[in-house]
Amino acid sequence: MALTLTQKQAPTAVGGQFRTHYSIACDTSYPTGGYALAASSLGFGNAANTDPDLIVQVEGGTKGYQAYYDYTNQKLIFYTSAGTQTAATTDLSSLTDVRVVTHSKFRG
């Protein structure tokens, strides 16, 4: 399945970088290895996927889960409170307001 992205702030210039803000809702079946989340889906061009200045901050709405962005594989990965990756097919649909803020010099 996939994440549902809701843009909260369009790409905005901030101090020589661009910033975006999205709210993410998860679905009923967590995929093995995490949710695909390319920088291009967050308001940046495709070249931003390899931009060393790209910063993806994840916060809020985790209800016992910790979310991290995997830059190499461009995935949003959820971990349990025990520190293990969430099992495939876990229902995360109760996570309806995971906030993602991105910063990058490249807008594309």
N, C-alpha and C. Protein backbone atom coordinates (compact mmCIF):
# COMPACT_ATOMS: atom_id res chain seq x y z
N MET A 1 0.84 -1.17 0.00
CA MET A 1 0.00 0.00 0.00
C MET A 1 0.89 1.24 0.00
N ALA A 2 0.32 2.37 0.37
CA ALA A 2 1.08 3.61 0.29
C ALA A 2 0.68 4.58 1.39
N LEU A 3 1.49 5.58 1.54
CA LEU A 3 1.21 6.68 2.46
C LEU A 3 0.28 7.68 1.79
N THR A 4 -0.48 8.40 2.60
CA THR A 4 -1.27 9.51 2.09
C THR A 4 -0.59 10.79 2.56
N LEU A 5 -0.16 11.61 1.60
CA LEU A 5 0.54 12.86 1.91
C LEU A 5 -0.42 14.03 1.78
N THR A 6 -0.41 14.91 2.78
CA THR A 6 -1.18 16.14 2.73
C THR A 6 -0.21 17.29 2.93
N GLN A 7 -0.10 18.14 1.92
CA GLN A 7 0.83 19.26 2.02
C GLN A 7 0.29 20.30 2.97
N LYS A 8 1.10 20.67 3.97
CA LYS A 8 0.73 21.70 4.94
C LYS A 8 1.39 23.03 4.61
N GLN A 9 2.52 22.97 3.92
CA GLN A 9 3.23 24.19 3.52
C GLN A 9 3.92 23.92 2.20
N ALA A 10 3.66 24.75 1.22
CA ALA A 10 4.32 24.63 -0.07
C ALA A 10 5.81 24.89 0.10
N PRO A 11 6.65 24.43 -0.84
CA PRO A 11 8.08 24.73 -0.72
C PRO A 11 8.31 26.22 -0.56
N THR A 12 9.01 26.57 0.51
CA THR A 12 9.24 27.95 0.88
C THR A 12 10.72 28.19 1.06
N ALA A 13 11.23 29.30 0.55
CA ALA A 13 12.64 29.64 0.74
C ALA A 13 12.86 30.09 2.18
N VAL A 14 13.83 29.46 2.84
CA VAL A 14 14.18 29.79 4.22
C VAL A 14 15.69 29.77 4.34
N GLY A 15 16.30 30.92 4.50
CA GLY A 15 17.75 30.99 4.72
C GLY A 15 18.61 30.28 3.72
N GLY A 16 18.36 30.42 2.45
CA GLY A 16 19.18 29.77 1.42
C GLY A 16 18.79 28.33 1.15
N GLN A 17 17.73 27.86 1.78
CA GLN A 17 17.23 26.51 1.53
C GLN A 17 15.73 26.59 1.26
N PHE A 18 15.20 25.47 0.79
CA PHE A 18 13.75 25.35 0.64
C PHE A 18 13.24 24.40 1.70
N ARG A 19 12.06 24.69 2.23
CA ARG A 19 11.46 23.85 3.25
C ARG A 19 10.05 23.48 2.83
N THR A 20 9.66 22.24 3.09
CA THR A 20 8.29 21.80 2.88
C THR A 20 7.79 21.16 4.17
N HIS A 21 6.48 21.08 4.30
CA HIS A 21 5.87 20.48 5.49
C HIS A 21 4.67 19.65 5.03
N TYR A 22 4.68 18.37 5.38
CA TYR A 22 3.59 17.46 5.03
C TYR A 22 3.08 16.75 6.27
N SER A 23 1.84 16.35 6.20
CA SER A 23 1.26 15.45 7.19
C SER A 23 1.05 14.13 6.45
N ILE A 24 1.40 13.03 7.13
CA ILE A 24 1.31 11.72 6.50
C ILE A 24 0.36 10.84 7.30
N ALA A 25 -0.48 10.12 6.57
CA ALA A 25 -1.34 9.10 7.17
C ALA A 25 -0.88 7.75 6.62
N CYS A 26 -0.72 6.80 7.54
CA CYS A 26 -0.29 5.46 7.15
C CYS A 26 -1.51 4.61 6.78
N ASP A 27 -1.24 3.42 6.23
CA ASP A 27 -2.32 2.55 5.80
C ASP A 27 -2.43 1.31 6.69
N THR A 28 -3.17 0.34 6.24
CA THR A 28 -3.45 -0.85 7.04
C THR A 28 -2.45 -1.98 6.87
N SER A 29 -1.42 -1.77 6.03
CA SER A 29 -0.47 -2.86 5.79
C SER A 29 0.93 -2.30 5.59
N TYR A 30 1.71 -2.21 6.67
CA TYR A 30 3.08 -1.71 6.60
C TYR A 30 3.90 -2.61 5.67
N PRO A 31 4.58 -2.02 4.68
CA PRO A 31 5.35 -2.83 3.74
C PRO A 31 6.71 -3.25 4.30
N THR A 32 7.18 -4.41 3.90
CA THR A 32 8.51 -4.88 4.29
C THR A 32 9.54 -3.82 3.91
N GLY A 33 10.36 -3.42 4.87
CA GLY A 33 11.42 -2.44 4.58
C GLY A 33 11.00 -1.00 4.66
N GLY A 34 9.73 -0.71 4.89
CA GLY A 34 9.27 0.66 5.04
C GLY A 34 8.51 1.20 3.84
N TYR A 35 7.91 2.36 4.04
CA TYR A 35 7.13 3.02 2.99
C TYR A 35 8.05 3.79 2.05
N ALA A 36 7.85 3.67 0.76
CA ALA A 36 8.59 4.46 -0.22
C ALA A 36 8.22 5.93 -0.03
N LEU A 37 9.24 6.80 0.04
CA LEU A 37 9.01 8.23 0.22
C LEU A 37 10.17 8.99 -0.42
N ALA A 38 10.05 9.21 -1.72
CA ALA A 38 11.10 9.92 -2.47
C ALA A 38 11.01 11.42 -2.22
N ALA A 39 12.15 12.08 -2.28
CA ALA A 39 12.18 13.54 -2.11
C ALA A 39 11.29 14.23 -3.14
N SER A 40 11.18 13.64 -4.33
CA SER A 40 10.33 14.25 -5.36
C SER A 40 8.86 14.27 -4.94
N SER A 41 8.44 13.34 -4.08
CA SER A 41 7.06 13.36 -3.61
C SER A 41 6.84 14.37 -2.49
N LEU A 42 7.93 14.98 -2.00
CA LEU A 42 7.86 15.97 -0.94
C LEU A 42 8.13 17.39 -1.45
N GLY A 43 7.97 17.59 -2.76
CA GLY A 43 8.09 18.92 -3.32
C GLY A 43 9.45 19.28 -3.86
N PHE A 44 10.35 18.31 -3.91
CA PHE A 44 11.68 18.55 -4.46
C PHE A 44 11.84 17.77 -5.76
N GLY A 45 12.71 18.25 -6.65
CA GLY A 45 12.95 17.57 -7.91
C GLY A 45 13.64 16.23 -7.70
N ASN A 46 13.67 15.42 -8.74
CA ASN A 46 14.28 14.09 -8.65
C ASN A 46 15.73 14.12 -8.23
N ALA A 47 16.48 15.15 -8.63
CA ALA A 47 17.90 15.23 -8.26
C ALA A 47 18.07 15.39 -6.75
N ALA A 48 17.04 15.87 -6.06
CA ALA A 48 17.13 16.04 -4.61
C ALA A 48 17.25 14.71 -3.88
N ASN A 49 16.87 13.62 -4.55
CA ASN A 49 16.96 12.30 -3.91
C ASN A 49 18.40 11.96 -3.55
N THR A 50 19.36 12.52 -4.26
CA THR A 50 20.77 12.26 -3.97
C THR A 50 21.46 13.50 -3.42
N ASP A 51 20.72 14.53 -3.09
CA ASP A 51 21.27 15.79 -2.58
C ASP A 51 21.81 15.58 -1.17
N PRO A 52 23.11 15.80 -0.96
CA PRO A 52 23.66 15.61 0.39
C PRO A 52 23.15 16.62 1.40
N ASP A 53 22.51 17.71 0.94
CA ASP A 53 21.98 18.72 1.84
C ASP A 53 20.54 18.45 2.26
N LEU A 54 19.94 17.41 1.72
CA LEU A 54 18.55 17.10 2.05
C LEU A 54 18.44 16.61 3.50
N ILE A 55 17.53 17.22 4.25
CA ILE A 55 17.25 16.82 5.62
C ILE A 55 15.76 16.52 5.70
N VAL A 56 15.41 15.34 6.20
CA VAL A 56 14.02 14.95 6.38
C VAL A 56 13.81 14.71 7.87
N GLN A 57 12.97 15.54 8.49
CA GLN A 57 12.66 15.42 9.91
C GLN A 57 11.26 14.83 10.05
N VAL A 58 11.14 13.80 10.88
CA VAL A 58 9.86 13.13 11.10
C VAL A 58 9.48 13.28 12.56
N GLU A 59 8.22 13.65 12.82
CA GLU A 59 7.78 13.81 14.20
C GLU A 59 6.26 13.68 14.29
N GLY A 60 5.80 13.45 15.49
CA GLY A 60 4.36 13.48 15.78
C GLY A 60 3.59 12.26 15.31
N GLY A 61 2.50 12.01 15.99
CA GLY A 61 1.54 10.99 15.59
C GLY A 61 2.04 9.57 15.58
N THR A 62 3.10 9.25 16.34
CA THR A 62 3.69 7.93 16.21
C THR A 62 3.10 6.88 17.13
N LYS A 63 2.34 7.24 18.16
CA LYS A 63 1.61 6.31 19.02
C LYS A 63 2.39 5.04 19.37
N GLY A 64 3.57 5.23 19.95
CA GLY A 64 4.38 4.09 20.36
C GLY A 64 5.38 3.63 19.32
N TYR A 65 5.35 4.22 18.16
CA TYR A 65 6.31 3.89 17.10
C TYR A 65 7.28 5.05 16.92
N GLN A 66 8.47 4.75 16.48
CA GLN A 66 9.44 5.78 16.10
C GLN A 66 9.61 5.71 14.60
N ALA A 67 9.55 6.84 13.93
CA ALA A 67 9.69 6.87 12.48
C ALA A 67 11.03 7.51 12.12
N TYR A 68 11.70 6.93 11.15
CA TYR A 68 13.00 7.43 10.66
C TYR A 68 12.99 7.43 9.15
N TYR A 69 13.71 8.37 8.57
CA TYR A 69 13.84 8.41 7.12
C TYR A 69 15.14 7.75 6.71
N ASP A 70 15.07 6.77 5.82
CA ASP A 70 16.24 6.08 5.27
C ASP A 70 16.62 6.81 3.98
N TYR A 71 17.67 7.62 4.05
CA TYR A 71 18.09 8.43 2.91
C TYR A 71 18.56 7.58 1.74
N THR A 72 19.27 6.51 2.01
CA THR A 72 19.82 5.66 0.96
C THR A 72 18.71 5.02 0.12
N ASN A 73 17.71 4.48 0.80
CA ASN A 73 16.64 3.77 0.10
C ASN A 73 15.38 4.60 -0.08
N GLN A 74 15.39 5.84 0.41
CA GLN A 74 14.27 6.76 0.29
C GLN A 74 12.98 6.14 0.82
N LYS A 75 13.06 5.72 2.09
CA LYS A 75 11.91 5.08 2.72
C LYS A 75 11.68 5.66 4.11
N LEU A 76 10.42 5.64 4.52
CA LEU A 76 10.04 6.02 5.87
C LEU A 76 9.84 4.71 6.63
N ILE A 77 10.68 4.50 7.64
CA ILE A 77 10.69 3.24 8.37
C ILE A 77 10.18 3.46 9.79
N PHE A 78 9.31 2.58 10.24
CA PHE A 78 8.77 2.64 11.58
C PHE A 78 9.36 1.53 12.43
N TYR A 79 9.73 1.90 13.67
CA TYR A 79 10.27 0.95 14.64
C TYR A 79 9.32 0.88 15.83
N THR A 80 9.27 -0.28 16.46
CA THR A 80 8.45 -0.47 17.65
C THR A 80 9.16 0.14 18.85
N SER A 81 8.47 0.22 19.96
CA SER A 81 9.08 0.75 21.18
C SER A 81 10.22 -0.15 21.67
N ALA A 82 10.25 -1.40 21.21
CA ALA A 82 11.33 -2.33 21.57
C ALA A 82 12.57 -2.12 20.70
N GLY A 83 12.47 -1.25 19.69
CA GLY A 83 13.61 -0.94 18.84
C GLY A 83 13.75 -1.82 17.61
N THR A 84 12.75 -2.65 17.34
CA THR A 84 12.79 -3.48 16.13
C THR A 84 11.90 -2.86 15.06
N GLN A 85 12.25 -3.13 13.81
CA GLN A 85 11.42 -2.58 12.74
C GLN A 85 10.02 -3.21 12.81
N THR A 86 9.03 -2.40 12.55
CA THR A 86 7.65 -2.86 12.55
C THR A 86 7.50 -4.01 11.56
N ALA A 87 6.77 -5.02 11.95
CA ALA A 87 6.59 -6.20 11.10
C ALA A 87 5.75 -5.86 9.87
N ALA A 88 6.07 -6.52 8.77
CA ALA A 88 5.30 -6.36 7.54
C ALA A 88 3.84 -6.70 7.80
N THR A 89 2.98 -5.99 7.15
CA THR A 89 1.51 -6.09 7.19
C THR A 89 0.89 -5.55 8.48
N THR A 90 1.68 -4.93 9.38
CA THR A 90 1.12 -4.32 10.58
C THR A 90 0.20 -3.17 10.18
N ASP A 91 -0.94 -3.07 10.83
CA ASP A 91 -1.91 -2.00 10.58
C ASP A 91 -1.45 -0.73 11.30
N LEU A 92 -1.02 0.27 10.54
CA LEU A 92 -0.60 1.55 11.11
C LEU A 92 -1.60 2.66 10.77
N SER A 93 -2.81 2.28 10.42
CA SER A 93 -3.80 3.28 9.99
C SER A 93 -4.19 4.26 11.10
N SER A 94 -3.85 3.96 12.35
CA SER A 94 -4.14 4.91 13.43
C SER A 94 -3.14 6.07 13.43
N LEU A 95 -2.07 5.95 12.65
CA LEU A 95 -1.09 7.03 12.53
C LEU A 95 -1.54 7.95 11.40
N THR A 96 -2.27 8.98 11.77
CA THR A 96 -2.88 9.85 10.76
C THR A 96 -2.26 11.24 10.69
N ASP A 97 -1.29 11.54 11.56
CA ASP A 97 -0.69 12.87 11.55
C ASP A 97 0.81 12.79 11.84
N VAL A 98 1.50 12.00 11.05
CA VAL A 98 2.96 11.94 11.15
C VAL A 98 3.46 13.14 10.35
N ARG A 99 4.21 14.01 10.99
CA ARG A 99 4.64 15.25 10.33
C ARG A 99 6.04 15.10 9.77
N VAL A 100 6.19 15.54 8.54
CA VAL A 100 7.48 15.47 7.87
C VAL A 100 7.83 16.87 7.38
N VAL A 101 8.98 17.36 7.81
CA VAL A 101 9.50 18.64 7.36
C VAL A 101 10.81 18.37 6.63
N THR A 102 10.96 18.91 5.44
CA THR A 102 12.18 18.71 4.68
C THR A 102 12.87 20.04 4.43
N HIS A 103 14.19 19.98 4.37
CA HIS A 103 15.02 21.14 4.04
C HIS A 103 16.04 20.69 3.00
N SER A 104 16.29 21.53 2.02
CA SER A 104 17.32 21.23 1.04
C SER A 104 17.69 22.50 0.30
N LYS A 105 18.93 22.56 -0.17
CA LYS A 105 19.34 23.68 -1.01
C LYS A 105 18.75 23.57 -2.40
N PHE A 106 18.44 22.34 -2.79
CA PHE A 106 17.96 22.08 -4.14
C PHE A 106 16.43 22.00 -4.17
N ARG A 107 15.81 22.70 -5.06
CA ARG A 107 14.35 22.66 -5.18
C ARG A 107 13.94 21.89 -6.42
N GLY A 108 14.68 22.08 -7.53
CA GLY A 108 14.42 21.35 -8.78
C GLY A 108 13.10 21.63 -9.31
